C-alpha atoms as a PDB file:
ATOM      1  CA  MET A   1      75.216  49.092   5.714  1.00  0.00           C
ATOM      2  CA  TYR A   2      72.852  48.562   8.650  1.00  0.00           C
ATOM      3  CA  THR A   3      73.716  49.405  12.239  1.00  0.00           C
ATOM      4  CA  ILE A   4      72.288  48.110  15.522  1.00  0.00           C
ATOM      5  CA  THR A   5      72.367  50.903  18.095  1.00  0.00           C
ATOM      6  CA  VAL A   6      71.338  50.645  21.748  1.00  0.00           C
ATOM      7  CA  GLU A   7      69.574  53.911  22.624  1.00  0.00           C
ATOM      8  CA  LYS A   8      70.728  54.052  26.252  1.00  0.00           C
ATOM      9  CA  GLU A   9      73.525  51.964  27.689  1.00  0.00           C
ATOM     10  CA  CYS A  10      72.118  51.118  31.108  1.00  0.00           C
ATOM     11  CA  GLY A  11      74.326  49.595  33.795  1.00  0.00           C
ATOM     12  CA  CYS A  12      73.272  46.056  32.890  1.00  0.00           C
ATOM     13  CA  PHE A  13      74.239  46.666  29.258  1.00  0.00           C
ATOM     14  CA  ARG A  14      77.647  48.038  30.208  1.00  0.00           C
ATOM     15  CA  LYS A  15      78.304  45.065  32.525  1.00  0.00           C
ATOM     16  CA  SER A  16      77.135  42.505  29.948  1.00  0.00           C
ATOM     17  CA  GLY A  17      80.036  42.881  27.543  1.00  0.00           C
ATOM     18  CA  MET A  18      77.607  43.423  24.663  1.00  0.00           C
ATOM     19  CA  LYS A  19      78.725  45.814  21.958  1.00  0.00           C
ATOM     20  CA  ASN A  20      76.875  48.897  20.727  1.00  0.00           C
ATOM     21  CA  ASN A  21      76.781  50.220  17.147  1.00  0.00           C
ATOM     22  CA  ILE A  22      77.307  46.875  15.415  1.00  0.00           C
ATOM     23  CA  ALA A  23      77.380  47.125  11.604  1.00  0.00           C
ATOM     24  CA  PHE A  24      75.986  44.592   9.107  1.00  0.00           C
ATOM     25  CA  GLN A  25      75.928  44.474   5.308  1.00  0.00           C
ATOM     26  CA  ASP A  26      72.642  42.546   5.228  1.00  0.00           C
ATOM     27  CA  LYS A  27      69.404  43.988   6.623  1.00  0.00           C
ATOM     28  CA  ASP A  28      67.932  40.590   7.516  1.00  0.00           C
ATOM     29  CA  ALA A  29      71.043  39.584   9.472  1.00  0.00           C
ATOM     30  CA  ALA A  30      70.989  42.916  11.313  1.00  0.00           C
ATOM     31  CA  LEU A  31      67.288  42.577  12.142  1.00  0.00           C
ATOM     32  CA  MET A  32      67.699  39.015  13.411  1.00  0.00           C
ATOM     33  CA  GLU A  33      70.630  40.052  15.625  1.00  0.00           C
ATOM     34  CA  ALA A  34      68.767  43.114  16.958  1.00  0.00           C
ATOM     35  CA  MET A  35      65.781  40.931  17.876  1.00  0.00           C
ATOM     36  CA  ARG A  36      68.069  38.366  19.518  1.00  0.00           C
ATOM     37  CA  LEU A  37      69.853  41.075  21.533  1.00  0.00           C
ATOM     38  CA  SER A  38      66.638  42.759  22.714  1.00  0.00           C
ATOM     39  CA  ASN A  39      65.171  39.385  23.736  1.00  0.00           C
ATOM     40  CA  GLU A  40      68.337  38.479  25.633  1.00  0.00           C
ATOM     41  CA  MET A  41      68.366  41.877  27.346  1.00  0.00           C
ATOM     42  CA  ASN A  42      64.681  41.540  28.330  1.00  0.00           C
ATOM     43  CA  GLU A  43      65.266  38.049  29.738  1.00  0.00           C
ATOM     44  CA  THR A  44      68.616  38.436  31.519  1.00  0.00           C
ATOM     45  CA  PHE A  45      68.919  42.059  32.649  1.00  0.00           C
ATOM     46  CA  CYS A  46      67.616  43.358  36.008  1.00  0.00           C
ATOM     47  CA  GLN A  47      64.022  43.908  34.772  1.00  0.00           C
ATOM     48  CA  LYS A  48      64.078  47.662  35.467  1.00  0.00           C
ATOM     49  CA  HIS A  49      63.950  48.414  31.720  1.00  0.00           C
ATOM     50  CA  GLU A  50      62.130  46.997  28.731  1.00  0.00           C
ATOM     51  CA  PHE A  51      63.899  46.814  25.358  1.00  0.00           C
ATOM     52  CA  ARG A  52      62.317  46.932  21.900  1.00  0.00           C
ATOM     53  CA  VAL A  53      63.596  47.154  18.320  1.00  0.00           C
ATOM     54  CA  GLN A  54      62.609  50.053  16.066  1.00  0.00           C
ATOM     55  CA  GLU A  55      63.716  50.558  12.482  1.00  0.00           C
ATOM     56  CA  GLU A  56      64.924  54.076  11.671  1.00  0.00           C
ATOM     57  CA  GLY A  57      66.318  54.135   8.143  1.00  0.00           C
ATOM     58  CA  ASN A  58      69.464  52.008   8.104  1.00  0.00           C
ATOM     59  CA  THR A  59      69.586  51.930  11.906  1.00  0.00           C
ATOM     60  CA  LEU A  60      67.924  49.279  14.030  1.00  0.00           C
ATOM     61  CA  LEU A  61      67.480  51.089  17.308  1.00  0.00           C
ATOM     62  CA  ILE A  62      67.081  49.067  20.497  1.00  0.00           C
ATOM     63  CA  GLY A  63      64.971  51.461  22.523  1.00  0.00           C
ATOM     64  CA  VAL A  64      64.858  51.500  26.303  1.00  0.00           C
ATOM     65  CA  ALA A  65      61.811  52.258  28.452  1.00  0.00           C
ATOM     66  CA  GLU A  66      61.071  51.924  32.149  1.00  0.00           C
ATOM     67  CA  ARG A  67      59.311  48.620  32.787  1.00  0.00           C
ATOM     68  CA  PRO A  68      55.803  49.100  34.232  1.00  0.00           C
ATOM     69  CA  ARG A  69      55.623  48.312  37.925  1.00  0.00           C
ATOM     70  CA  GLU A  70      53.594  45.387  39.267  1.00  0.00           C
ATOM     71  CA  GLY A  71      50.054  46.177  40.305  1.00  0.00           C
ATOM     72  CA  GLY A  72      49.424  48.504  37.388  1.00  0.00           C
ATOM     73  CA  CYS A  73      51.088  51.559  38.889  1.00  0.00           C
ATOM     74  CA  CYS A  74      52.563  53.777  36.198  1.00  0.00           C
ATOM     75  CA  GLY A  75      55.351  55.008  38.474  1.00  0.00           C
ATOM     76  CA  GLY A  76      54.203  58.620  38.259  1.00  0.00           C
ATOM     77  CA  GLY A  77      53.986  58.993  42.035  1.00  0.00           C
ATOM     78  CA  HIS A  78      50.240  59.581  42.218  1.00  0.00           C
ATOM     79  CA  CYS A  79      49.079  56.003  42.863  1.00  0.00           C
ATOM     80  CA  GLY A  80      49.749  55.985  46.547  1.00  0.00           C
END
C-alpha cells in the first residue's frame, strides 16, 4: 500500500476539494498521481507555495515550501 500525503494543507489546498492521504496498491500509479497533483497545485494555486514530491518509504509526500520572491530576495527581511 502506498499513500500520497500533502505535508501542509494550505488554504488553496483546502479550497480545491483535493483529498489528502490517498492510498494506492501500485507504486507507479501512486507516483504518477502524486506528480500530477503537485504539478496541478504548482500551476493553479496562488503561487505563494511551491510543491514537490518526495518518496519516504511507502509514502509519497507532497512537500510545501515558500516560493522564492521575484528579484532574488530570499524573504528573510534583510534585502531591503
